[in-house]
C-alpha atoms as a PDB file:
ATOM      1  CA  MET A   1      -5.652   1.279  24.051  1.00  0.00           C
ATOM      2  CA  LEU A   2      -3.185   0.446  21.869  1.00  0.00           C
ATOM      3  CA  THR A   3      -4.711   2.186  18.659  1.00  0.00           C
ATOM      4  CA  ALA A   4      -5.226   5.275  20.389  1.00  0.00           C
ATOM      5  CA  LEU A   5      -1.806   5.735  20.989  1.00  0.00           C
ATOM      6  CA  LEU A   6      -0.754   4.900  17.856  1.00  0.00           C
ATOM      7  CA  LEU A   7      -3.368   7.738  16.397  1.00  0.00           C
ATOM      8  CA  LEU A   8      -2.054  10.175  18.875  1.00  0.00           C
ATOM      9  CA  VAL A   9       1.745   9.286  17.676  1.00  0.00           C
ATOM     10  CA  VAL A  10       0.842   9.941  14.237  1.00  0.00           C
ATOM     11  CA  PHE A  11      -1.364  12.860  14.471  1.00  0.00           C
ATOM     12  CA  ALA A  12       0.154  14.873  17.475  1.00  0.00           C
ATOM     13  CA  ALA A  13       3.715  13.304  18.272  1.00  0.00           C
ATOM     14  CA  ILE A  14       5.007  13.312  14.991  1.00  0.00           C
ATOM     15  CA  PRO A  15       3.512  16.580  13.278  1.00  0.00           C
ATOM     16  CA  GLY A  16       4.867  18.289  16.658  1.00  0.00           C
ATOM     17  CA  ALA A  17       7.764  16.954  16.560  1.00  0.00           C
ATOM     18  CA  LEU A  18       8.334  18.167  12.315  1.00  0.00           C
ATOM     19  CA  GLN A  19       7.204  21.400  13.312  1.00  0.00           C
ATOM     20  CA  PHE A  20       9.687  21.909  15.406  1.00  0.00           C
ATOM     21  CA  LEU A  21      11.882  20.707  13.262  1.00  0.00           C
ATOM     22  CA  ASP A  22      10.654  23.161  10.233  1.00  0.00           C
ATOM     23  CA  ARG A  23      11.823  21.464   7.128  1.00  0.00           C
ATOM     24  CA  GLY A  24      10.364  20.292   4.160  1.00  0.00           C
ATOM     25  CA  TYR A  25      12.594  17.660   3.653  1.00  0.00           C
ATOM     26  CA  PHE A  26      11.630  15.935   6.765  1.00  0.00           C
ATOM     27  CA  TRP A  27       8.135  16.516   5.870  1.00  0.00           C
ATOM     28  CA  GLN A  28       8.418  14.677   2.415  1.00  0.00           C
ATOM     29  CA  VAL A  29      10.059  12.047   4.679  1.00  0.00           C
ATOM     30  CA  ALA A  30       6.992  11.317   6.347  1.00  0.00           C
ATOM     31  CA  ASN A  31       4.758  11.305   3.656  1.00  0.00           C
ATOM     32  CA  THR A  32       6.570   8.965   1.984  1.00  0.00           C
ATOM     33  CA  ALA A  33       6.702   6.798   4.675  1.00  0.00           C
ATOM     34  CA  LEU A  34       2.800   6.982   4.890  1.00  0.00           C
ATOM     35  CA  ILE A  35       2.269   6.132   1.645  1.00  0.00           C
ATOM     36  CA  PHE A  36       4.803   3.391   1.411  1.00  0.00           C
ATOM     37  CA  ALA A  37       2.654   2.032   4.510  1.00  0.00           C
ATOM     38  CA  LEU A  38      -0.333   2.232   2.270  1.00  0.00           C
ATOM     39  CA  LEU A  39       1.230   0.728  -0.597  1.00  0.00           C
ATOM     40  CA  ALA A  40       2.438  -1.892   1.624  1.00  0.00           C
ATOM     41  CA  ALA A  41      -0.851  -2.785   3.650  1.00  0.00           C
ATOM     42  CA  SER A  42      -2.986  -2.849  -0.184  1.00  0.00           C
ATOM     43  CA  MET A  43      -0.165  -5.807  -0.832  1.00  0.00           C
ATOM     44  CA  HIS A  44      -0.476  -7.355   2.382  1.00  0.00           C
ATOM     45  CA  LEU A  45      -4.242  -8.234   1.347  1.00  0.00           C
ATOM     46  CA  VAL A  46      -3.395  -9.599  -2.074  1.00  0.00           C
ATOM     47  CA  THR A  47      -0.205 -11.753  -1.501  1.00  0.00           C
ATOM     48  CA  GLY A  48      -0.102 -12.033   2.674  1.00  0.00           C
ATOM     49  CA  VAL A  49      -4.109 -12.799   2.905  1.00  0.00           C
ATOM     50  CA  ALA A  50      -4.744 -14.318  -0.185  1.00  0.00           C
ATOM     51  CA  GLY A  51      -1.663 -15.614  -0.991  1.00  0.00           C
ATOM     52  CA  LEU A  52      -0.860 -14.686  -4.724  1.00  0.00           C
ATOM     53  CA  LEU A  53       2.115 -13.663  -5.348  1.00  0.00           C
ATOM     54  CA  GLN A  54       2.020  -9.980  -6.933  1.00  0.00           C
ATOM     55  CA  LEU A  55       5.431  -8.857  -8.760  1.00  0.00           C
ATOM     56  CA  GLY A  56       3.824  -5.938 -10.729  1.00  0.00           C
ATOM     57  CA  HIS A  57       2.353  -4.156  -7.518  1.00  0.00           C
ATOM     58  CA  ALA A  58       4.056  -0.734  -8.307  1.00  0.00           C
ATOM     59  CA  ALA A  59       2.444  -0.292 -11.462  1.00  0.00           C
ATOM     60  CA  PHE A  60      -0.563  -0.325 -10.188  1.00  0.00           C
ATOM     61  CA  TYR A  61       0.393   2.688  -7.809  1.00  0.00           C
ATOM     62  CA  GLY A  62       1.755   4.275 -11.515  1.00  0.00           C
ATOM     63  CA  VAL A  63      -1.785   4.174 -12.659  1.00  0.00           C
ATOM     64  CA  GLY A  64      -3.272   5.550  -9.544  1.00  0.00           C
ATOM     65  CA  ALA A  65      -0.225   8.113  -9.927  1.00  0.00           C
ATOM     66  CA  TYR A  66      -1.089   9.284 -13.392  1.00  0.00           C
ATOM     67  CA  THR A  67      -4.500   9.416 -13.202  1.00  0.00           C
ATOM     68  CA  ALA A  68      -4.313  11.813 -10.282  1.00  0.00           C
ATOM     69  CA  ALA A  69      -1.836  13.868 -11.731  1.00  0.00           C
ATOM     70  CA  LEU A  70      -3.187  13.790 -15.370  1.00  0.00           C
ATOM     71  CA  LEU A  71      -7.020  14.757 -13.972  1.00  0.00           C
ATOM     72  CA  ALA A  72      -5.359  17.910 -12.210  1.00  0.00           C
ATOM     73  CA  SER A  73      -3.073  18.904 -14.532  1.00  0.00           C
ATOM     74  CA  ARG A  74      -4.736  18.640 -18.008  1.00  0.00           C
ATOM     75  CA  ALA A  75      -8.485  18.530 -16.783  1.00  0.00           C
ATOM     76  CA  GLY A  76      -8.098  20.753 -13.322  1.00  0.00           C
ATOM     77  CA  ALA A  77     -10.169  18.270 -11.881  1.00  0.00           C
ATOM     78  CA  PRO A  78      -9.804  19.217  -7.766  1.00  0.00           C
ATOM     79  CA  MET A  79      -8.039  16.551  -5.333  1.00  0.00           C
ATOM     80  CA  ALA A  80     -12.021  15.476  -3.850  1.00  0.00           C
ATOM     81  CA  LEU A  81     -12.102  14.101  -7.131  1.00  0.00           C
ATOM     82  CA  THR A  82      -8.651  12.951  -8.362  1.00  0.00           C
ATOM     83  CA  LEU A  83      -8.602  10.688  -5.486  1.00  0.00           C
ATOM     84  CA  PRO A  84     -11.099   8.174  -5.506  1.00  0.00           C
ATOM     85  CA  ALA A  85     -11.013   8.063  -9.101  1.00  0.00           C
ATOM     86  CA  ALA A  86      -7.097   7.148  -9.415  1.00  0.00           C
ATOM     87  CA  GLY A  87      -8.370   4.501  -6.894  1.00  0.00           C
ATOM     88  CA  LEU A  88     -11.511   3.369  -9.255  1.00  0.00           C
ATOM     89  CA  VAL A  89      -9.041   3.296 -12.333  1.00  0.00           C
ATOM     90  CA  THR A  90      -6.907   1.172 -10.760  1.00  0.00           C
ATOM     91  CA  ALA A  91      -9.136  -1.248  -9.847  1.00  0.00           C
ATOM     92  CA  ILE A  92     -10.735  -1.507 -13.023  1.00  0.00           C
ATOM     93  CA  VAL A  93      -7.152  -2.025 -14.550  1.00  0.00           C
ATOM     94  CA  ALA A  94      -6.642  -4.517 -12.059  1.00  0.00           C
ATOM     95  CA  LEU A  95      -9.705  -6.258 -12.886  1.00  0.00           C
ATOM     96  CA  LEU A  96      -9.001  -6.795 -16.434  1.00  0.00           C
ATOM     97  CA  VAL A  97      -5.515  -8.212 -15.796  1.00  0.00           C
ATOM     98  CA  ALA A  98      -6.912 -10.101 -12.885  1.00  0.00           C
ATOM     99  CA  LEU A  99      -9.572 -12.369 -14.929  1.00  0.00           C
ATOM    100  CA  PRO A 100      -7.166 -13.494 -17.648  1.00  0.00           C
ATOM    101  CA  THR A 101      -5.037 -14.452 -14.639  1.00  0.00           C
ATOM    102  CA  MET A 102      -6.514 -15.959 -11.587  1.00  0.00           C
ATOM    103  CA  ARG A 103      -6.505 -19.419 -13.193  1.00  0.00           C
ATOM    104  CA  LEU A 104      -2.779 -19.491 -13.221  1.00  0.00           C
ATOM    105  CA  VAL A 105      -0.875 -20.794  -9.903  1.00  0.00           C
ATOM    106  CA  SER A 106       2.301 -20.798  -7.834  1.00  0.00           C
ATOM    107  CA  ILE A 107       4.976 -19.052  -9.983  1.00  0.00           C
ATOM    108  CA  TYR A 108       3.318 -18.474 -13.276  1.00  0.00           C
ATOM    109  CA  PHE A 109       0.801 -16.271 -11.543  1.00  0.00           C
ATOM    110  CA  ALA A 110       3.781 -14.131 -10.142  1.00  0.00           C
ATOM    111  CA  VAL A 111       5.371 -14.149 -13.943  1.00  0.00           C
ATOM    112  CA  ALA A 112       2.134 -13.180 -15.038  1.00  0.00           C
ATOM    113  CA  THR A 113       1.959 -10.487 -13.226  1.00  0.00           C
ATOM    114  CA  LEU A 114       5.388  -9.423 -13.285  1.00  0.00           C
ATOM    115  CA  GLY A 115       5.094  -9.321 -17.425  1.00  0.00           C
ATOM    116  CA  ILE A 116       2.086  -6.888 -16.844  1.00  0.00           C
ATOM    117  CA  GLY A 117       3.922  -4.961 -14.754  1.00  0.00           C
ATOM    118  CA  GLN A 118       6.453  -4.047 -17.234  1.00  0.00           C
ATOM    119  CA  MET A 119       3.900  -3.460 -19.776  1.00  0.00           C
ATOM    120  CA  LEU A 120       1.908  -0.722 -17.667  1.00  0.00           C
ATOM    121  CA  TYR A 121       5.518   0.570 -16.981  1.00  0.00           C
ATOM    122  CA  LEU A 122       6.426   0.453 -20.992  1.00  0.00           C
ATOM    123  CA  LEU A 123       3.449   2.204 -21.432  1.00  0.00           C
ATOM    124  CA  MET A 124       4.179   5.037 -19.028  1.00  0.00           C
ATOM    125  CA  LEU A 125       7.421   5.431 -20.552  1.00  0.00           C
ATOM    126  CA  ASN A 126       6.835   5.532 -24.171  1.00  0.00           C
ATOM    127  CA  TRP A 127       2.731   6.804 -24.684  1.00  0.00           C
ATOM    128  CA  VAL A 128       4.204  10.267 -24.326  1.00  0.00           C
ATOM    129  CA  ASP A 129       1.443  11.875 -25.879  1.00  0.00           C
ATOM    130  CA  LEU A 130      -0.468  11.242 -22.850  1.00  0.00           C
ATOM    131  CA  THR A 131       2.294  10.325 -19.799  1.00  0.00           C
ATOM    132  CA  ARG A 132       5.029  12.930 -21.930  1.00  0.00           C
ATOM    133  CA  GLY A 133       7.105   9.607 -21.555  1.00  0.00           C
ATOM    134  CA  PRO A 134      10.417   9.896 -19.253  1.00  0.00           C
ATOM    135  CA  LEU A 135       9.704  13.941 -19.174  1.00  0.00           C
ATOM    136  CA  GLY A 136       6.953  13.106 -16.285  1.00  0.00           C
ATOM    137  CA  VAL A 137       3.970  14.921 -15.904  1.00  0.00           C
ATOM    138  CA  MET A 138       4.383  18.048 -12.892  1.00  0.00           C
ATOM    139  CA  LEU A 139       1.683  19.506 -10.729  1.00  0.00           C
ATOM    140  CA  PHE A 140       1.356  23.261 -10.858  1.00  0.00           C
ATOM    141  CA  GLY A 141      -0.858  25.489  -9.171  1.00  0.00           C
ATOM    142  CA  GLU A 142      -2.005  25.342  -5.112  1.00  0.00           C
ATOM    143  CA  GLN A 143      -4.425  22.411  -4.117  1.00  0.00           C
ATOM    144  CA  SER A 144      -7.181  22.451  -1.897  1.00  0.00           C
ATOM    145  CA  LEU A 145      -9.590  19.207  -0.478  1.00  0.00           C
ATOM    146  CA  LEU A 146     -13.370  20.593   0.195  1.00  0.00           C
ATOM    147  CA  GLY A 147     -12.461  23.977   0.420  1.00  0.00           C
ATOM    148  CA  ILE A 148      -8.895  23.370   2.940  1.00  0.00           C
ATOM    149  CA  ASP A 149      -5.644  25.120   1.302  1.00  0.00           C
ATOM    150  CA  LEU A 150      -3.134  22.134   1.494  1.00  0.00           C
ATOM    151  CA  ALA A 151      -0.151  24.742   1.349  1.00  0.00           C
ATOM    152  CA  SER A 152       1.124  24.233   4.393  1.00  0.00           C
ATOM    153  CA  PRO A 153       3.224  21.153   4.355  1.00  0.00           C
ATOM    154  CA  LEU A 154       1.385  20.138   8.601  1.00  0.00           C
ATOM    155  CA  ARG A 155      -2.059  19.975   6.540  1.00  0.00           C
ATOM    156  CA  ARG A 156      -0.435  17.872   3.762  1.00  0.00           C
ATOM    157  CA  TYR A 157       0.825  15.389   6.409  1.00  0.00           C
ATOM    158  CA  LEU A 158      -2.295  15.335   8.174  1.00  0.00           C
ATOM    159  CA  LEU A 159      -4.574  14.536   4.937  1.00  0.00           C
ATOM    160  CA  VAL A 160      -2.000  11.960   3.756  1.00  0.00           C
ATOM    161  CA  ALA A 161      -2.024  10.320   7.579  1.00  0.00           C
ATOM    162  CA  ALA A 162      -5.647  10.791   7.669  1.00  0.00           C
ATOM    163  CA  ILE A 163      -6.211   8.942   4.936  1.00  0.00           C
ATOM    164  CA  THR A 164      -3.537   6.501   5.472  1.00  0.00           C
ATOM    165  CA  ALA A 165      -5.055   5.664   8.434  1.00  0.00           C
ATOM    166  CA  ALA A 166      -8.775   5.142   7.000  1.00  0.00           C
ATOM    167  CA  SER A 167      -7.593   3.047   4.387  1.00  0.00           C
ATOM    168  CA  ILE A 168      -5.264   0.404   7.240  1.00  0.00           C
ATOM    169  CA  TRP A 169      -8.558   0.294   8.975  1.00  0.00           C
ATOM    170  CA  VAL A 170     -10.297  -0.836   6.064  1.00  0.00           C
ATOM    171  CA  ILE A 171      -8.233  -3.157   5.233  1.00  0.00           C
ATOM    172  CA  ALA A 172      -7.569  -4.696   8.505  1.00  0.00           C
ATOM    173  CA  ARG A 173     -11.323  -4.738   8.470  1.00  0.00           C
ATOM    174  CA  LEU A 174     -11.577  -6.854   5.716  1.00  0.00           C
ATOM    175  CA  SER A 175      -8.139  -9.166   6.408  1.00  0.00           C
ATOM    176  CA  HIS A 176      -9.442 -10.214  10.485  1.00  0.00           C
ATOM    177  CA  SER A 177     -13.233 -10.999   8.619  1.00  0.00           C
ATOM    178  CA  TYR A 178     -15.100 -13.826   7.614  1.00  0.00           C
ATOM    179  CA  TYR A 179     -13.963 -12.575   4.211  1.00  0.00           C
ATOM    180  CA  GLY A 180     -10.231 -12.640   5.471  1.00  0.00           C
ATOM    181  CA  ASN A 181     -10.570 -15.818   6.654  1.00  0.00           C
ATOM    182  CA  ALA A 182     -12.057 -17.431   3.248  1.00  0.00           C
ATOM    183  CA  LEU A 183      -9.039 -15.278   1.564  1.00  0.00           C
ATOM    184  CA  ARG A 184      -6.635 -17.259   3.841  1.00  0.00           C
ATOM    185  CA  ALA A 185      -8.666 -20.736   3.234  1.00  0.00           C
ATOM    186  CA  LEU A 186      -7.736 -20.463  -1.108  1.00  0.00           C
ATOM    187  CA  ARG A 187      -4.148 -19.340   0.697  1.00  0.00           C
ATOM    188  CA  GLU A 188      -3.573 -22.535   2.146  1.00  0.00           C
ATOM    189  CA  ASP A 189      -5.507 -24.940  -0.420  1.00  0.00           C
ATOM    190  CA  ASP A 190      -7.440 -23.160  -2.502  1.00  0.00           C
ATOM    191  CA  GLN A 191      -8.911 -26.960  -4.173  1.00  0.00           C
ATOM    192  CA  CYS A 192      -9.543 -27.693  -0.327  1.00  0.00           C
ATOM    193  CA  ALA A 193     -11.610 -24.222  -0.632  1.00  0.00           C
ATOM    194  CA  ASP A 194     -13.407 -24.490  -3.768  1.00  0.00           C
ATOM    195  CA  ALA A 195     -15.119 -28.099  -2.505  1.00  0.00           C
ATOM    196  CA  MET A 196     -16.107 -26.434   0.352  1.00  0.00           C
ATOM    197  CA  GLY A 197     -18.529 -24.339  -2.016  1.00  0.00           C
ATOM    198  CA  ILE A 198     -16.001 -20.833  -2.007  1.00  0.00           C
ATOM    199  CA  ASP A 199     -15.672 -19.230  -5.462  1.00  0.00           C
ATOM    200  CA  THR A 200     -12.519 -19.054  -5.306  1.00  0.00           C
ATOM    201  CA  ILE A 201     -11.589 -17.240  -8.651  1.00  0.00           C
ATOM    202  CA  ARG A 202     -14.072 -14.856  -7.775  1.00  0.00           C
ATOM    203  CA  LEU A 203     -11.855 -14.551  -4.123  1.00  0.00           C
ATOM    204  CA  LYS A 204      -8.981 -13.942  -6.219  1.00  0.00           C
ATOM    205  CA  ILE A 205     -10.753 -11.710  -7.936  1.00  0.00           C
ATOM    206  CA  GLU A 206     -12.271  -9.244  -5.919  1.00  0.00           C
ATOM    207  CA  SER A 207      -8.750  -9.088  -3.792  1.00  0.00           C
ATOM    208  CA  PHE A 208      -6.861  -8.364  -7.080  1.00  0.00           C
ATOM    209  CA  ALA A 209      -9.601  -5.287  -7.542  1.00  0.00           C
ATOM    210  CA  ILE A 210      -9.572  -3.962  -3.640  1.00  0.00           C
ATOM    211  CA  SER A 211      -5.810  -4.394  -3.866  1.00  0.00           C
ATOM    212  CA  GLY A 212      -5.642  -2.012  -6.728  1.00  0.00           C
ATOM    213  CA  PHE A 213      -8.030   0.070  -5.375  1.00  0.00           C
ATOM    214  CA  PHE A 214      -5.439   1.209  -2.352  1.00  0.00           C
ATOM    215  CA  ALA A 215      -2.552   0.955  -4.737  1.00  0.00           C
ATOM    216  CA  GLY A 216      -4.474   3.670  -6.838  1.00  0.00           C
ATOM    217  CA  LEU A 217      -4.868   5.458  -3.809  1.00  0.00           C
ATOM    218  CA  ALA A 218      -1.348   5.401  -2.745  1.00  0.00           C
ATOM    219  CA  GLY A 219      -0.215   6.296  -6.026  1.00  0.00           C
ATOM    220  CA  ALA A 220      -2.539   9.559  -5.878  1.00  0.00           C
ATOM    221  CA  LEU A 221      -1.348  10.492  -2.998  1.00  0.00           C
ATOM    222  CA  TRP A 222       2.480  10.941  -4.026  1.00  0.00           C
ATOM    223  CA  ALA A 223       1.244  12.663  -7.430  1.00  0.00           C
ATOM    224  CA  HIS A 224      -0.363  15.353  -4.843  1.00  0.00           C
ATOM    225  CA  THR A 225       2.374  15.193  -2.359  1.00  0.00           C
ATOM    226  CA  ALA A 226       5.233  15.355  -4.705  1.00  0.00           C
ATOM    227  CA  GLY A 227       4.360  17.547  -7.247  1.00  0.00           C
ATOM    228  CA  TYR A 228       6.037  15.540  -9.653  1.00  0.00           C
ATOM    229  CA  ILE A 229       6.076  11.932 -11.081  1.00  0.00           C
ATOM    230  CA  SER A 230       8.056  10.028 -13.915  1.00  0.00           C
ATOM    231  CA  PRO A 231       7.477   6.550 -14.720  1.00  0.00           C
ATOM    232  CA  PRO A 232      11.081   5.117 -12.805  1.00  0.00           C
ATOM    233  CA  ASP A 233       8.869   5.849  -9.729  1.00  0.00           C
ATOM    234  CA  PHE A 234       6.647   2.905 -10.803  1.00  0.00           C
ATOM    235  CA  GLY A 235       9.331  -0.207 -11.960  1.00  0.00           C
ATOM    236  CA  PHE A 236       9.801  -3.176 -11.085  1.00  0.00           C
ATOM    237  CA  THR A 237      12.548  -2.532  -8.378  1.00  0.00           C
ATOM    238  CA  GLN A 238       9.437  -0.982  -6.222  1.00  0.00           C
ATOM    239  CA  SER A 239       7.604  -3.537  -6.912  1.00  0.00           C
ATOM    240  CA  ILE A 240      10.101  -5.436  -5.217  1.00  0.00           C
ATOM    241  CA  LEU A 241      10.979  -2.958  -2.341  1.00  0.00           C
ATOM    242  CA  VAL A 242       7.012  -3.568  -1.353  1.00  0.00           C
ATOM    243  CA  LEU A 243       7.121  -6.989  -1.581  1.00  0.00           C
ATOM    244  CA  ALA A 244      10.605  -6.938   0.535  1.00  0.00           C
ATOM    245  CA  MET A 245       7.991  -4.553   3.052  1.00  0.00           C
ATOM    246  CA  VAL A 246       5.518  -7.232   3.088  1.00  0.00           C
ATOM    247  CA  VAL A 247       8.075  -9.899   3.710  1.00  0.00           C
ATOM    248  CA  VAL A 248      10.370  -8.721   6.251  1.00  0.00           C
ATOM    249  CA  GLY A 249       6.823  -7.519   8.708  1.00  0.00           C
ATOM    250  CA  GLY A 250       5.650 -11.231   7.920  1.00  0.00           C
ATOM    251  CA  LEU A 251       3.575 -12.171   5.587  1.00  0.00           C
ATOM    252  CA  GLY A 252      -0.254 -12.353   6.717  1.00  0.00           C
ATOM    253  CA  SER A 253       0.039  -9.742   8.875  1.00  0.00           C
ATOM    254  CA  LEU A 254      -1.052  -6.067   8.263  1.00  0.00           C
ATOM    255  CA  PRO A 255       0.804  -4.643  11.459  1.00  0.00           C
ATOM    256  CA  GLY A 256       3.968  -6.429   9.647  1.00  0.00           C
ATOM    257  CA  ALA A 257       3.357  -5.050   6.510  1.00  0.00           C
ATOM    258  CA  VAL A 258       3.355  -1.503   8.151  1.00  0.00           C
ATOM    259  CA  VAL A 259       6.705  -1.942  10.084  1.00  0.00           C
ATOM    260  CA  GLY A 260       8.285  -3.441   7.275  1.00  0.00           C
ATOM    261  CA  ALA A 261       7.704  -0.057   5.246  1.00  0.00           C
ATOM    262  CA  LEU A 262       8.239   2.283   8.051  1.00  0.00           C
ATOM    263  CA  ILE A 263      11.596   0.864   8.512  1.00  0.00           C
ATOM    264  CA  LEU A 264      12.271   0.404   4.599  1.00  0.00           C
ATOM    265  CA  ILE A 265      11.758   4.106   3.998  1.00  0.00           C
ATOM    266  CA  LEU A 266      13.054   5.465   7.484  1.00  0.00           C
ATOM    267  CA  LEU A 267      16.040   3.403   7.743  1.00  0.00           C
ATOM    268  CA  PRO A 268      17.995   4.235   4.720  1.00  0.00           C
ATOM    269  CA  GLU A 269      17.038   8.044   5.199  1.00  0.00           C
ATOM    270  CA  LEU A 270      18.520   7.581   8.802  1.00  0.00           C
ATOM    271  CA  LEU A 271      21.516   6.563   7.474  1.00  0.00           C
ATOM    272  CA  ARG A 272      21.956   8.848   4.798  1.00  0.00           C
ATOM    273  CA  PRO A 273      25.348  10.493   6.606  1.00  0.00           C
ATOM    274  CA  LEU A 274      26.964   6.833   5.491  1.00  0.00           C
ATOM    275  CA  GLY A 275      26.531   7.467   2.021  1.00  0.00           C
ATOM    276  CA  ASP A 276      26.590   4.732  -0.252  1.00  0.00           C
ATOM    277  CA  ILE A 277      27.311   2.086   2.553  1.00  0.00           C
ATOM    278  CA  ARG A 278      23.937   3.062   3.950  1.00  0.00           C
ATOM    279  CA  ASN A 279      22.538   0.594   1.480  1.00  0.00           C
ATOM    280  CA  LEU A 280      25.012  -2.112   2.122  1.00  0.00           C
ATOM    281  CA  LEU A 281      23.589  -1.611   5.616  1.00  0.00           C
ATOM    282  CA  VAL A 282      19.945  -2.237   4.823  1.00  0.00           C
ATOM    283  CA  GLY A 283      20.743  -5.107   3.043  1.00  0.00           C
ATOM    284  CA  PHE A 284      22.581  -6.730   5.822  1.00  0.00           C
ATOM    285  CA  VAL A 285      19.566  -5.574   8.114  1.00  0.00           C
ATOM    286  CA  LEU A 286      17.005  -7.509   5.515  1.00  0.00           C
ATOM    287  CA  PHE A 287      19.313 -10.270   5.560  1.00  0.00           C
ATOM    288  CA  GLY A 288      19.216 -10.422   9.073  1.00  0.00           C
ATOM    289  CA  VAL A 289      15.455 -10.407   9.679  1.00  0.00           C
ATOM    290  CA  ILE A 290      15.174 -13.068   7.309  1.00  0.00           C
ATOM    291  CA  LEU A 291      17.669 -15.224   8.695  1.00  0.00           C
ATOM    292  CA  PHE A 292      16.445 -14.544  12.411  1.00  0.00           C
ATOM    293  CA  LEU A 293      13.029 -14.460  11.889  1.00  0.00           C
ATOM    294  CA  PRO A 294      11.969 -15.989   8.374  1.00  0.00           C
ATOM    295  CA  LYS A 295       8.201 -15.033   9.642  1.00  0.00           C
ATOM    296  CA  GLY A 296       8.611 -11.845   9.480  1.00  0.00           C
ATOM    297  CA  LEU A 297       8.878  -8.944  12.448  1.00  0.00           C
ATOM    298  CA  ILE A 298       5.643  -9.487  13.838  1.00  0.00           C
ATOM    299  CA  GLY A 299       4.170 -13.057  11.796  1.00  0.00           C
ATOM    300  CA  GLU A 300       0.874 -13.441  11.058  1.00  0.00           C
ATOM    301  CA  VAL A 301      -0.117 -15.872  14.227  1.00  0.00           C
ATOM    302  CA  SER A 302       0.850 -12.657  16.790  1.00  0.00           C
ATOM    303  CA  ALA A 303      -1.146 -10.219  14.465  1.00  0.00           C
ATOM    304  CA  LEU A 304      -4.009 -12.551  14.265  1.00  0.00           C
ATOM    305  CA  ASP A 305      -4.389 -12.680  17.937  1.00  0.00           C
ATOM    306  CA  ILE A 306      -3.784  -8.841  18.912  1.00  0.00           C
ATOM    307  CA  ALA A 307      -6.970  -9.012  16.326  1.00  0.00           C
ATOM    308  CA  ARG A 308      -8.582 -11.472  18.359  1.00  0.00           C
ATOM    309  CA  ARG A 309      -8.155  -9.594  21.392  1.00  0.00           C
ATOM    310  CA  GLN A 310      -9.164  -6.243  19.885  1.00  0.00           C
ATOM    311  CA  PHE A 311     -12.413  -7.268  18.577  1.00  0.00           C
ATOM    312  CA  ALA A 312     -12.968  -9.966  21.283  1.00  0.00           C
ATOM    313  CA  GLY A 313     -13.147  -6.976  23.807  1.00  0.00           C
ATOM    314  CA  ALA A 314     -15.507  -4.937  21.192  1.00  0.00           C
ATOM    315  CA  TRP A 315     -17.601  -7.859  20.736  1.00  0.00           C
ATOM    316  CA  ARG A 316     -17.741  -8.077  24.885  1.00  0.00           C
ATOM    317  CA  ARG A 317     -19.346  -4.419  24.911  1.00  0.00           C
ATOM    318  CA  GLY A 318     -21.368  -5.512  22.193  1.00  0.00           C
ATOM    319  CA  ALA A 319     -19.945  -3.170  19.475  1.00  0.00           C
ATOM    320  CA  GLY A 320     -18.864  -5.838  17.298  1.00  0.00           C
ATOM    321  CA  GLY A 321     -20.589  -8.079  15.704  1.00  0.00           C
ATOM    322  CA  GLY A 322     -20.311 -10.364  12.811  1.00  0.00           C
ATOM    323  CA  LEU A 323     -16.475 -10.115  12.501  1.00  0.00           C
ATOM    324  CA  GLY A 324     -16.378 -14.065  13.148  1.00  0.00           C
ATOM    325  CA  TRP A 325     -14.297 -13.602  16.786  1.00  0.00           C
ATOM    326  CA  ARG A 326     -15.800 -15.355  19.696  1.00  0.00           C
END
């Protein structure tokens, strides 16, 4: 029931309201909120569930964006190719990053991802022959997917909403499964998990690559909806923003990560009439949440309880097997 209500809001109520307002700015804000919800969900898998503090997540977001933008602008590749290609290329980059760093623990891993994220950012900024450096990459021409013209803001929004909803559904199934439970085990005590026969290194690498895939997909959506990308879009501040979304929403909580993303994207826009003071007010909101709700807006226990109720209902109806909830 809750899922149906959310889908009704995302695919009917919101586009209906945006059609009524009929302003391109509002369409772009809605697309940005959905893209960052996907980005926060991808970070949730590696930081919230697996417990790996990732400080360079925006760099993978950038790899996906540049992959899609360069394929579209230079090779004339269709969106049906650029979207999966962006995810796969980013997953490969994330895999290459994970291989030498996964034996690091705690703050050492976080600093390593910070350094690699900055390396990727500087690569985007200084490899002028490929990325055009500070000038960025602009996407020209009409966009379509499988023969569907995406010139309409409504169609672009529905595309972003559909891909985001499907991706979050996949992440939810991974998070609330035996695989997700194994990731939580290594988050709580990786040595104990290793002693119980769980291949912790393999799980960490896999979660990093899967998270990278969805971050790259979010980057591709940003490139196609914004029409222009540049290195500042993928700097360290963006990584901290995404981390704040996950923490404010609730570490280990997928609904929390999505809600945190929506708040941190939409709240500054709602406060825009207040000018520069809006940043101060957003800071107070973040401080208040951390102070009074240290487990986030939707804590992990609450999120797991929601998932158990959803999956238990499917189990009783005979439609849900192999998820581990009884």
